Amino acid sequence: MSVEQQAQRSVTVIGLGPMGQAMAGAFLDAGYAVTVWNRSAGRAGELVARGAVVAAGVEAAVAANDLVVLSLTDYDAVFEVLKAVEPVLDGKVVANLSSDTPERAREAARWLAERGAGHLTGGVQVPPSGIGSSESSTFYSGPVELFRRHRAALEVLTGVDYRGDDPGLAQLYYQIQMDLFWSSMLGYLHATAVAEANGIPAEEFRPHAVATASLVPRLIEFYAPRITAGDHRGDVDRLAMALASIEHVRHTAEDSGVDGALPAVLAELVRRGVEGGDGAAGLSALVGRLRGA
């Protein structure tokens, strides 16, 4: 095996929370030489037993391999690490799988480029249990040549979905997925709180929650082409009707002793559309309102 081939089969993983540990473990399972480092000591024991090497410090960890995978809480933590290893960044490729905003990803890419290093932004779409599966997926963006060079290593972690050269795109796609996910999950939890407050156990509510949630994919398929076409006619639903319904939800929650803040926020968003003249328009008219258009 050539020196170049050996380099392609080795990787550094920085950040050993549950996600970082899963990533380092997947690389070990795939036969990679893995160097690890974590700010808090003591998390690498199982990985070391499987063959990973713990670097003496973060600078040594980055110096050890051409490809450095970051799995950190946010980009504040990312920059804390990067600034500590500035002398050894030249020629490195940082696959940054930490979460933050698209603009912070662009900032990190610019900062690294000024120091001779490459940056690939990643947005992992699965929890740690999904790492190591080709059926899982991660958004990537950044220089296409860097993505192609390290694609095989990245595919050890999950399937890959390359979004383009703009380093902010992977984070943008990730965050809009999270926007939908958290809104949906909090809606479910709020409904469950109302159910339980009225003596309906979560398990009894489960099939009804699943039935309602199953409508969402079909509604997305219905609305997406209409939104693209700017077609917000109220032939299926109307904002005025939505406002009345959401207010009923809020009152039911409050009458049950459950916090009504979530439906109150939703009602306020819809009310703006109604008061702005869209009461007879469909729900999708809110997209423009939310954008301030």
Protein backbone atom coordinates (compact mmCIF):
# COMPACT_ATOMS: atom_id res chain seq x y z
CA MET A 1 0.00 0.00 0.00
CA SER A 2 1.37 3.41 -0.99
CA VAL A 3 1.80 6.30 1.42
CA GLU A 4 -1.13 8.05 -0.31
CA GLN A 5 -3.36 4.98 0.07
CA GLN A 6 -2.42 4.69 3.75
CA ALA A 7 -3.32 8.36 4.26
CA GLN A 8 -6.71 7.72 2.69
CA ARG A 9 -7.33 4.91 5.19
CA SER A 10 -6.57 7.00 8.26
CA VAL A 11 -8.57 9.71 9.97
CA THR A 12 -8.68 11.90 13.05
CA VAL A 13 -11.94 12.32 14.95
CA ILE A 14 -12.21 15.26 17.36
CA GLY A 15 -15.14 15.32 19.75
CA LEU A 16 -16.20 12.11 21.47
CA GLY A 17 -19.77 12.71 22.43
CA PRO A 18 -22.21 9.98 21.37
CA MET A 19 -22.01 11.05 17.72
CA GLY A 20 -18.21 11.33 17.66
CA GLN A 21 -17.83 7.96 19.34
CA ALA A 22 -20.15 6.38 16.78
CA MET A 23 -18.14 7.93 13.95
CA ALA A 24 -14.78 6.80 15.34
CA GLY A 25 -16.24 3.32 15.86
CA ALA A 26 -17.50 3.17 12.27
CA PHE A 27 -14.05 4.06 10.96
CA LEU A 28 -12.47 1.37 13.14
CA ASP A 29 -15.01 -1.18 11.88
CA ALA A 30 -14.03 -0.24 8.32
CA GLY A 31 -10.33 -0.86 9.01
CA TYR A 32 -9.20 2.76 9.28
CA ALA A 33 -6.34 3.88 11.48
CA VAL A 34 -8.15 6.27 13.84
CA THR A 35 -6.68 9.01 16.01
CA VAL A 36 -9.04 10.59 18.52
CA TRP A 37 -9.07 13.56 20.86
CA ASN A 38 -11.66 14.99 23.21
CA ARG A 39 -11.51 18.08 25.39
CA SER A 40 -12.73 16.08 28.39
CA ALA A 41 -10.50 13.07 29.01
CA GLY A 42 -11.85 9.62 29.72
CA ARG A 43 -14.25 9.06 26.82
CA ALA A 44 -11.91 7.10 24.58
CA GLY A 45 -11.49 3.91 26.61
CA GLU A 46 -13.71 1.66 24.49
CA LEU A 47 -12.32 3.10 21.26
CA VAL A 48 -8.74 2.53 22.42
CA ALA A 49 -9.61 -1.06 23.25
CA ARG A 50 -10.73 -1.43 19.63
CA GLY A 51 -7.53 0.06 18.24
CA ALA A 52 -7.89 3.84 18.25
CA VAL A 53 -4.98 6.04 19.28
CA VAL A 54 -5.55 8.91 21.68
CA ALA A 55 -3.48 11.93 20.67
CA ALA A 56 -1.39 13.64 23.33
CA GLY A 57 -3.13 16.90 22.50
CA VAL A 58 -5.42 18.48 19.97
CA GLU A 59 -2.53 19.76 17.83
CA ALA A 60 -1.06 16.26 17.66
CA ALA A 61 -4.48 14.90 16.72
CA VAL A 62 -4.79 17.26 13.75
CA ALA A 63 -1.18 16.70 12.69
CA ALA A 64 -1.68 12.93 12.62
CA ASN A 65 -3.89 12.71 9.51
CA ASP A 66 -4.87 14.56 6.35
CA LEU A 67 -8.60 14.16 7.07
CA VAL A 68 -9.92 15.59 10.34
CA VAL A 69 -13.54 14.96 11.31
CA LEU A 70 -15.06 17.37 13.81
CA SER A 71 -18.10 16.35 15.84
CA LEU A 72 -18.64 19.24 18.23
CA THR A 73 -21.62 21.00 19.79
CA ASP A 74 -21.44 24.16 17.68
CA TYR A 75 -19.02 26.39 15.80
CA ASP A 76 -17.92 28.20 18.95
CA ALA A 77 -16.37 24.88 19.97
CA VAL A 78 -15.11 24.39 16.40
CA PHE A 79 -13.23 27.69 16.40
CA GLU A 80 -11.85 27.02 19.86
CA VAL A 81 -10.27 23.85 18.47
CA LEU A 82 -9.16 25.34 15.15
CA LYS A 83 -7.46 28.33 16.70
CA ALA A 84 -5.54 26.01 19.02
CA VAL A 85 -4.16 24.02 16.06
CA GLU A 86 -3.50 26.84 13.61
CA PRO A 87 0.21 25.97 13.15
CA VAL A 88 -0.60 22.50 11.73
CA LEU A 89 -3.64 23.26 9.56
CA ASP A 90 -1.86 23.78 6.25
CA GLY A 91 -2.84 21.01 3.83
CA LYS A 92 -5.48 19.47 6.08
CA VAL A 93 -9.10 18.82 5.13
CA VAL A 94 -11.62 19.40 7.91
CA ALA A 95 -14.90 17.53 7.56
CA ASN A 96 -16.93 19.63 9.96
CA LEU A 97 -19.98 17.63 11.05
CA SER A 98 -20.88 20.03 13.85
CA SER A 99 -24.18 21.91 13.80
CA ASP A 100 -24.61 25.66 13.43
CA THR A 101 -25.86 28.21 10.92
CA PRO A 102 -24.99 28.30 7.20
CA GLU A 103 -23.17 31.60 7.64
CA ARG A 104 -20.95 30.19 10.38
CA ALA A 105 -20.05 27.31 8.06
CA ARG A 106 -19.03 29.84 5.41
CA GLU A 107 -17.01 31.72 8.04
CA ALA A 108 -15.17 28.54 9.03
CA ALA A 109 -14.45 27.69 5.38
CA ARG A 110 -12.99 31.16 4.75
CA TRP A 111 -10.93 31.03 7.93
CA LEU A 112 -9.46 27.63 7.05
CA ALA A 113 -8.77 28.61 3.43
CA GLU A 114 -6.71 31.56 4.66
CA ARG A 115 -4.56 29.04 6.52
CA GLY A 116 -4.15 26.59 3.66
CA ALA A 117 -6.75 24.09 4.80
CA GLY A 118 -9.95 22.80 3.20
CA HIS A 119 -13.39 22.65 4.74
CA LEU A 120 -16.26 20.28 3.99
CA THR A 121 -19.49 21.11 5.79
CA GLY A 122 -21.61 18.18 6.91
CA GLY A 123 -25.16 17.97 8.18
CA VAL A 124 -25.83 14.52 9.63
CA GLN A 125 -29.47 13.50 9.26
CA VAL A 126 -29.48 10.61 11.74
CA PRO A 127 -28.79 10.03 15.45
CA PRO A 128 -25.64 8.17 16.53
CA SER A 129 -27.42 4.84 16.08
CA GLY A 130 -27.62 5.54 12.34
CA ILE A 131 -23.89 6.04 11.88
CA GLY A 132 -22.24 3.26 9.90
CA SER A 133 -25.32 2.58 7.78
CA SER A 134 -25.41 3.33 4.06
CA GLU A 135 -29.16 3.83 4.42
CA SER A 136 -28.51 6.88 6.58
CA SER A 137 -27.57 10.18 4.94
CA THR A 138 -25.48 13.28 5.51
CA PHE A 139 -25.62 16.53 3.55
CA TYR A 140 -22.22 17.79 2.37
CA SER A 141 -21.09 20.98 0.69
CA GLY A 142 -17.79 22.63 -0.11
CA PRO A 143 -15.17 22.24 -2.85
CA VAL A 144 -16.19 19.32 -5.04
CA GLU A 145 -12.61 18.13 -5.47
CA LEU A 146 -12.25 17.74 -1.70
CA PHE A 147 -15.56 15.91 -1.51
CA ARG A 148 -14.51 13.52 -4.26
CA ARG A 149 -11.11 12.92 -2.67
CA HIS A 150 -12.61 11.96 0.67
CA ARG A 151 -15.94 10.54 -0.42
CA ALA A 152 -14.96 6.94 0.37
CA ALA A 153 -14.10 7.88 3.95
CA LEU A 154 -17.29 9.92 4.38
CA GLU A 155 -19.35 7.00 3.10
CA VAL A 156 -18.03 4.91 5.97
CA LEU A 157 -20.23 7.07 8.20
CA THR A 158 -23.44 7.32 6.14
CA GLY A 159 -24.65 7.69 2.62
CA VAL A 160 -23.70 11.09 1.21
CA ASP A 161 -25.81 13.83 -0.36
CA TYR A 162 -23.56 16.47 -1.93
CA ARG A 163 -25.35 19.82 -2.26
CA GLY A 164 -22.75 22.01 -3.98
CA ASP A 165 -19.67 24.20 -3.59
CA ASP A 166 -21.20 26.75 -1.21
CA PRO A 167 -20.04 25.61 2.27
CA GLY A 168 -23.26 26.93 3.79
CA LEU A 169 -25.57 24.68 1.79
CA ALA A 170 -25.13 21.51 3.85
CA GLN A 171 -26.00 23.41 7.02
CA LEU A 172 -28.91 25.12 5.30
CA TYR A 173 -30.41 21.80 4.20
CA TYR A 174 -29.76 20.36 7.66
CA GLN A 175 -31.35 23.28 9.50
CA ILE A 176 -34.51 23.35 7.38
CA GLN A 177 -34.88 19.63 8.09
CA MET A 178 -34.50 20.39 11.79
CA ASP A 179 -37.01 23.24 11.48
CA LEU A 180 -39.61 20.74 10.33
CA PHE A 181 -38.53 18.05 12.80
CA TRP A 182 -38.61 20.16 15.97
CA SER A 183 -41.87 21.88 15.03
CA SER A 184 -43.48 18.51 14.40
CA MET A 185 -42.15 16.86 17.55
CA LEU A 186 -43.12 19.75 19.82
CA GLY A 187 -46.60 19.67 18.30
CA TYR A 188 -46.83 15.97 19.11
CA LEU A 189 -45.60 16.48 22.67
CA HIS A 190 -48.02 19.35 23.22
CA ALA A 191 -50.94 17.24 21.98
CA THR A 192 -49.81 14.38 24.22
CA ALA A 193 -49.70 16.71 27.22
CA VAL A 194 -53.31 17.74 26.53
CA ALA A 195 -54.32 14.10 26.11
CA GLU A 196 -52.72 13.02 29.38
CA ALA A 197 -54.15 16.02 31.22
CA ASN A 198 -57.56 14.65 30.24
CA GLY A 199 -56.83 11.08 31.29
CA ILE A 200 -55.83 9.73 27.86
CA PRO A 201 -52.48 7.89 28.17
CA ALA A 202 -49.81 8.50 25.56
CA GLU A 203 -50.05 4.89 24.41
CA GLU A 204 -53.79 5.21 23.85
CA PHE A 205 -53.25 8.42 21.90
CA ARG A 206 -50.41 6.89 19.84
CA PRO A 207 -52.38 5.40 16.91
CA HIS A 208 -54.40 8.60 16.52
CA ALA A 209 -51.22 10.71 16.57
CA VAL A 210 -49.66 8.42 13.95
CA ALA A 211 -52.76 8.70 11.76
CA THR A 212 -52.67 12.49 11.86
CA ALA A 213 -48.90 12.63 11.31
CA SER A 214 -49.29 10.37 8.27
CA LEU A 215 -51.23 13.18 6.58
CA VAL A 216 -48.20 15.48 6.61
CA PRO A 217 -46.22 13.83 3.75
CA ARG A 218 -49.29 13.99 1.51
CA LEU A 219 -49.89 17.63 2.40
CA ILE A 220 -46.26 18.47 1.63
CA GLU A 221 -46.59 16.77 -1.76
CA PHE A 222 -49.76 18.77 -2.39
CA TYR A 223 -48.48 22.17 -1.26
CA ALA A 224 -44.91 22.18 -2.64
CA PRO A 225 -45.83 22.65 -6.32
CA ARG A 226 -48.47 25.22 -5.39
CA ILE A 227 -45.96 27.21 -3.33
CA THR A 228 -43.47 27.08 -6.22
CA ALA A 229 -46.19 28.35 -8.58
CA GLY A 230 -47.38 31.02 -6.13
CA ASP A 231 -50.81 29.39 -6.10
CA HIS A 232 -52.37 30.04 -2.67
CA ARG A 233 -56.06 29.77 -3.52
CA GLY A 234 -58.28 28.76 -0.63
CA ASP A 235 -60.01 25.84 -2.31
CA VAL A 236 -58.80 23.27 0.22
CA ASP A 237 -58.30 25.33 3.35
CA ARG A 238 -58.46 28.98 4.38
CA LEU A 239 -56.39 30.98 6.83
CA ALA A 240 -59.52 32.26 8.56
CA MET A 241 -60.63 28.68 9.23
CA ALA A 242 -57.12 27.74 10.40
CA LEU A 243 -57.09 30.62 12.86
CA ALA A 244 -60.42 29.53 14.38
CA SER A 245 -59.20 25.93 14.67
CA ILE A 246 -55.89 26.87 16.31
CA GLU A 247 -57.70 29.07 18.81
CA HIS A 248 -59.90 26.10 19.71
CA VAL A 249 -56.73 24.07 20.29
CA ARG A 250 -55.30 26.82 22.50
CA HIS A 251 -58.46 27.10 24.58
CA THR A 252 -58.69 23.33 24.98
CA ALA A 253 -55.09 23.21 26.18
CA GLU A 254 -55.54 26.06 28.65
CA ASP A 255 -58.82 24.62 29.94
CA SER A 256 -56.90 21.38 30.54
CA GLY A 257 -54.21 23.16 32.54
CA VAL A 258 -51.64 22.78 29.76
CA ASP A 259 -49.39 25.64 28.64
CA GLY A 260 -51.01 27.31 25.64
CA ALA A 261 -47.90 29.15 24.47
CA LEU A 262 -47.27 26.93 21.44
CA PRO A 263 -50.75 27.22 19.87
CA ALA A 264 -50.76 30.91 20.82
CA VAL A 265 -47.63 31.46 18.71
CA LEU A 266 -49.18 29.55 15.82
CA ALA A 267 -52.40 31.54 16.12
CA GLU A 268 -50.48 34.82 16.05
CA LEU A 269 -48.68 33.83 12.84
CA VAL A 270 -51.95 32.93 11.15
CA ARG A 271 -53.69 36.05 12.51
CA ARG A 272 -51.13 38.25 10.77
CA GLY A 273 -52.05 36.64 7.48
CA VAL A 274 -55.76 37.08 8.09
CA GLU A 275 -55.38 40.71 9.15
CA GLY A 276 -53.12 41.28 6.15
CA GLY A 277 -55.92 40.33 3.78
CA ASP A 278 -55.24 36.62 3.24
CA GLY A 279 -58.14 35.25 5.27
CA ALA A 280 -59.70 33.61 2.20
CA ALA A 281 -56.33 32.31 0.93
CA GLY A 282 -54.94 28.87 1.58
CA LEU A 283 -52.55 28.01 4.39
CA SER A 284 -49.58 28.12 2.03
CA ALA A 285 -49.98 31.92 1.77
CA LEU A 286 -48.13 32.03 5.08
CA VAL A 287 -44.84 31.22 3.34
CA GLY A 288 -44.70 34.70 1.88
CA ARG A 289 -45.81 36.26 5.17
CA LEU A 290 -43.10 34.40 7.08
CA ARG A 291 -40.52 35.62 4.57
CA GLY A 292 -41.77 39.16 4.94
CA ALA A 293 -42.66 39.23 1.25
